[in-house]
């Protein structure tokens, strides 16, 4: 049986928290509602229920401001890069608790990614913003560090790379809470900020 560390216990508790968080706060009745979320939440992310955003249909284009569209599109790119990071390292990670955390991050962000893609407009004025902000945070150097890290260093490098990456997501989401216009998008931003902050705390061991 895998060794149960205090961090692994905390991760498991946070997963349960994420599973119970439910879908995003509903918007006015004119907006379509997302489907129920999968029970897989993020380890840390689950802490805020961000992983339970669920796969939603596109929000009406006129219900989102340009800044909401830019935020969603940027977060799509950021989550795509998160999945690259954890999938590149998951089979090489030695620490059980870190492996559990990485798996929870992957489950959460895959769920969020499906939701955000469903919310983004494919036509209309907002679509051009999507096209210009879809690349996200493409730090290829970080991927190269993971790809070339010796086996003994993979855990350390993953912690460093993922900490920096998730901290930038928390900062982006925190900023959007103050400037976003669509309440459903702002609600997602709140939970992303909370979840990524919790992930950074788990990764660094600093509450």
Protein backbone atom coordinates (compact mmCIF):
# COMPACT_ATOMS: atom_id res chain seq x y z
CA UNK A 1 0.00 0.00 0.00
CA UNK A 2 1.27 3.52 -0.74
CA UNK A 3 2.67 5.39 2.22
CA UNK A 4 0.09 7.84 3.60
CA UNK A 5 1.80 11.12 4.41
CA UNK A 6 0.17 14.13 6.11
CA UNK A 7 0.27 15.94 2.78
CA UNK A 8 -1.48 13.05 1.08
CA UNK A 9 -4.17 13.11 3.77
CA UNK A 10 -4.67 16.83 3.22
CA UNK A 11 -4.86 16.33 -0.53
CA UNK A 12 -7.55 13.69 -0.07
CA UNK A 13 -9.56 16.02 2.15
CA UNK A 14 -9.29 18.81 -0.39
CA UNK A 15 -10.46 16.49 -3.14
CA UNK A 16 -13.62 15.84 -1.16
CA UNK A 17 -14.08 19.56 -0.67
CA UNK A 18 -13.82 20.14 -4.42
CA UNK A 19 -16.30 17.40 -5.18
CA UNK A 20 -18.86 19.07 -2.93
CA UNK A 21 -18.37 22.57 -4.20
CA UNK A 22 -20.89 22.30 -7.03
CA UNK A 23 -21.09 24.18 -10.33
CA UNK A 24 -20.41 27.88 -10.77
CA UNK A 25 -22.83 30.36 -9.29
CA UNK A 26 -25.68 30.58 -11.72
CA UNK A 27 -26.04 33.71 -13.80
CA UNK A 28 -29.32 35.38 -14.71
CA UNK A 29 -31.90 33.01 -16.24
CA UNK A 30 -31.06 34.19 -19.73
CA UNK A 31 -27.67 32.52 -19.49
CA UNK A 32 -27.33 28.78 -20.14
CA UNK A 33 -26.25 26.72 -17.14
CA UNK A 34 -23.28 24.32 -17.14
CA UNK A 35 -23.76 20.61 -16.74
CA UNK A 36 -23.00 19.12 -13.30
CA UNK A 37 -19.31 18.82 -12.64
CA UNK A 38 -17.43 15.58 -12.46
CA UNK A 39 -16.61 14.52 -8.88
CA UNK A 40 -12.88 14.86 -9.51
CA UNK A 41 -11.73 18.11 -8.00
CA UNK A 42 -8.31 19.47 -7.61
CA UNK A 43 -6.15 18.65 -4.72
CA UNK A 44 -5.58 22.16 -3.93
CA UNK A 45 -7.89 23.38 -6.51
CA UNK A 46 -10.56 21.29 -5.17
CA UNK A 47 -9.99 23.34 -2.09
CA UNK A 48 -11.97 26.03 -3.76
CA UNK A 49 -14.11 23.87 -5.97
CA UNK A 50 -12.57 25.33 -9.11
CA UNK A 51 -12.40 21.91 -10.63
CA UNK A 52 -16.14 21.56 -10.43
CA UNK A 53 -16.79 24.27 -12.97
CA UNK A 54 -18.34 21.65 -15.19
CA UNK A 55 -18.73 21.64 -18.95
CA UNK A 56 -20.94 24.58 -19.79
CA UNK A 57 -22.43 25.82 -23.01
CA UNK A 58 -21.29 29.13 -24.41
CA UNK A 59 -22.43 32.23 -22.54
CA UNK A 60 -24.32 34.63 -24.77
CA UNK A 61 -21.76 36.84 -26.50
CA UNK A 62 -23.51 40.03 -25.37
CA UNK A 63 -23.47 38.82 -21.74
CA UNK A 64 -19.67 38.97 -21.57
CA UNK A 65 -17.42 41.97 -21.86
CA UNK A 66 -14.20 41.83 -23.83
CA UNK A 67 -12.22 41.52 -20.60
CA UNK A 68 -14.20 38.39 -19.64
CA UNK A 69 -13.45 36.83 -23.01
CA UNK A 70 -9.76 37.68 -22.74
CA UNK A 71 -9.58 36.19 -19.25
CA UNK A 72 -11.27 32.94 -20.29
CA UNK A 73 -9.11 32.62 -23.38
CA UNK A 74 -5.91 33.29 -21.44
CA UNK A 75 -6.90 30.78 -18.78
CA UNK A 76 -7.58 28.20 -21.51
CA UNK A 77 -4.00 28.60 -22.69
CA UNK A 78 -2.72 28.49 -19.12
CA UNK A 79 -4.63 25.30 -18.30
CA UNK A 80 -3.45 23.66 -21.50
CA UNK A 81 0.11 24.33 -20.37
CA UNK A 82 -0.66 23.01 -16.86
CA UNK A 83 -1.79 19.72 -18.36
CA UNK A 84 1.41 19.53 -20.39
CA UNK A 85 3.47 20.07 -17.24
CA UNK A 86 1.78 17.42 -15.07
CA UNK A 87 1.51 14.86 -17.86
CA UNK A 88 5.17 15.25 -18.71
CA UNK A 89 6.24 14.48 -15.15
CA UNK A 90 3.53 12.22 -13.72
CA UNK A 91 5.17 8.90 -14.62
CA UNK A 92 8.52 9.99 -13.18
CA UNK A 93 7.38 11.45 -9.86
CA UNK A 94 8.65 9.51 -6.83
CA UNK A 95 6.82 11.17 -3.94
CA UNK A 96 3.36 9.68 -3.41
CA UNK A 97 1.80 12.90 -2.12
CA UNK A 98 3.18 14.92 -5.05
CA UNK A 99 1.86 12.31 -7.47
CA UNK A 100 -1.59 12.56 -5.87
CA UNK A 101 -1.51 16.34 -6.05
CA UNK A 102 -0.44 16.31 -9.71
CA UNK A 103 -3.25 13.89 -10.58
CA UNK A 104 -5.80 16.09 -8.83
CA UNK A 105 -4.50 19.20 -10.61
CA UNK A 106 -4.82 17.36 -13.93
CA UNK A 107 -8.41 16.28 -13.22
CA UNK A 108 -9.45 19.75 -12.08
CA UNK A 109 -7.93 21.67 -14.95
CA UNK A 110 -9.20 19.25 -17.58
CA UNK A 111 -12.70 19.87 -16.22
CA UNK A 112 -12.21 23.65 -16.09
CA UNK A 113 -10.76 23.63 -19.59
CA UNK A 114 -13.84 21.93 -21.02
CA UNK A 115 -16.08 24.46 -19.23
CA UNK A 116 -14.15 27.51 -20.40
CA UNK A 117 -13.99 26.31 -23.99
CA UNK A 118 -17.76 25.86 -23.90
CA UNK A 119 -18.28 29.38 -22.58
CA UNK A 120 -16.10 31.16 -25.13
CA UNK A 121 -17.90 32.73 -28.08
CA UNK A 122 -17.17 31.27 -31.50
CA UNK A 123 -18.82 34.09 -33.42
CA UNK A 124 -19.42 37.77 -32.87
CA UNK A 125 -17.17 40.52 -31.49
CA UNK A 126 -15.69 38.40 -28.72
CA UNK A 127 -14.40 35.73 -31.09
CA UNK A 128 -11.54 37.95 -32.26
CA UNK A 129 -10.35 38.32 -28.66
CA UNK A 130 -10.27 34.54 -28.35
CA UNK A 131 -8.12 34.25 -31.44
CA UNK A 132 -5.59 36.73 -30.07
CA UNK A 133 -5.31 35.41 -26.53
CA UNK A 134 -5.44 31.67 -26.93
CA UNK A 135 -1.75 30.85 -26.59
CA UNK A 136 -1.64 31.23 -22.82
CA UNK A 137 1.59 31.03 -20.88
CA UNK A 138 3.98 29.19 -23.16
CA UNK A 139 7.07 28.77 -21.03
CA UNK A 140 8.89 26.16 -23.09
CA UNK A 141 11.97 26.50 -20.90
CA UNK A 142 10.01 25.09 -17.96
CA UNK A 143 8.96 22.09 -20.00
CA UNK A 144 12.55 21.58 -21.09
CA UNK A 145 13.65 21.60 -17.44
CA UNK A 146 11.19 18.83 -16.65
CA UNK A 147 11.98 16.87 -19.78
CA UNK A 148 15.71 16.84 -19.10
CA UNK A 149 15.67 16.58 -15.30
CA UNK A 150 17.53 13.55 -13.92
CA UNK A 151 15.30 11.06 -12.14
CA UNK A 152 16.52 12.20 -8.74
CA UNK A 153 15.54 15.83 -9.50
CA UNK A 154 12.11 15.37 -11.10
CA UNK A 155 10.13 15.93 -7.90
CA UNK A 156 12.03 19.11 -7.06
CA UNK A 157 11.79 20.51 -10.59
CA UNK A 158 8.08 19.72 -10.84
CA UNK A 159 7.43 21.52 -7.56
CA UNK A 160 9.35 24.57 -8.75
CA UNK A 161 7.81 24.70 -12.22
CA UNK A 162 4.26 24.04 -11.05
CA UNK A 163 4.55 26.52 -8.18
CA UNK A 164 5.56 29.35 -10.50
CA UNK A 165 2.93 28.39 -13.07
CA UNK A 166 0.05 28.13 -10.60
CA UNK A 167 1.06 31.31 -8.81
CA UNK A 168 0.72 33.20 -12.09
CA UNK A 169 -2.76 31.70 -12.57
CA UNK A 170 -3.78 32.82 -9.08
CA UNK A 171 -2.55 36.35 -9.81
CA UNK A 172 -4.43 36.48 -13.10
CA UNK A 173 -7.65 35.21 -11.56
CA UNK A 174 -7.37 37.57 -8.58
CA UNK A 175 -7.07 40.51 -10.95
CA UNK A 176 -10.09 39.45 -12.95
CA UNK A 177 -12.33 39.31 -9.89
CA UNK A 178 -11.90 43.10 -9.65
CA UNK A 179 -12.43 43.94 -13.33
CA UNK A 180 -14.64 41.20 -14.78
CA UNK A 181 -18.22 41.98 -15.77
CA UNK A 182 -19.91 38.59 -16.11
CA UNK A 183 -20.74 37.14 -12.68
CA UNK A 184 -20.33 33.51 -13.76
CA UNK A 185 -16.85 34.23 -15.11
CA UNK A 186 -15.97 36.22 -11.98
CA UNK A 187 -17.16 33.33 -9.82
CA UNK A 188 -14.88 30.96 -11.73
CA UNK A 189 -12.02 33.44 -11.30
CA UNK A 190 -12.59 33.54 -7.53
CA UNK A 191 -12.39 29.78 -7.26
CA UNK A 192 -9.37 29.54 -9.54
CA UNK A 193 -7.57 32.10 -7.38
CA UNK A 194 -8.39 30.14 -4.22
CA UNK A 195 -7.50 26.76 -5.68
CA UNK A 196 -4.19 27.79 -7.24
CA UNK A 197 -3.18 29.57 -4.04
CA UNK A 198 -3.91 26.38 -2.09
CA UNK A 199 -1.91 24.35 -4.61
CA UNK A 200 1.08 26.66 -4.20
CA UNK A 201 0.83 26.23 -0.43
CA UNK A 202 0.86 22.45 -0.81
CA UNK A 203 3.74 22.54 -3.26
CA UNK A 204 5.88 24.80 -1.11
CA UNK A 205 4.73 23.62 2.31
CA UNK A 206 3.96 27.19 3.34
CA UNK A 207 0.39 27.89 4.53
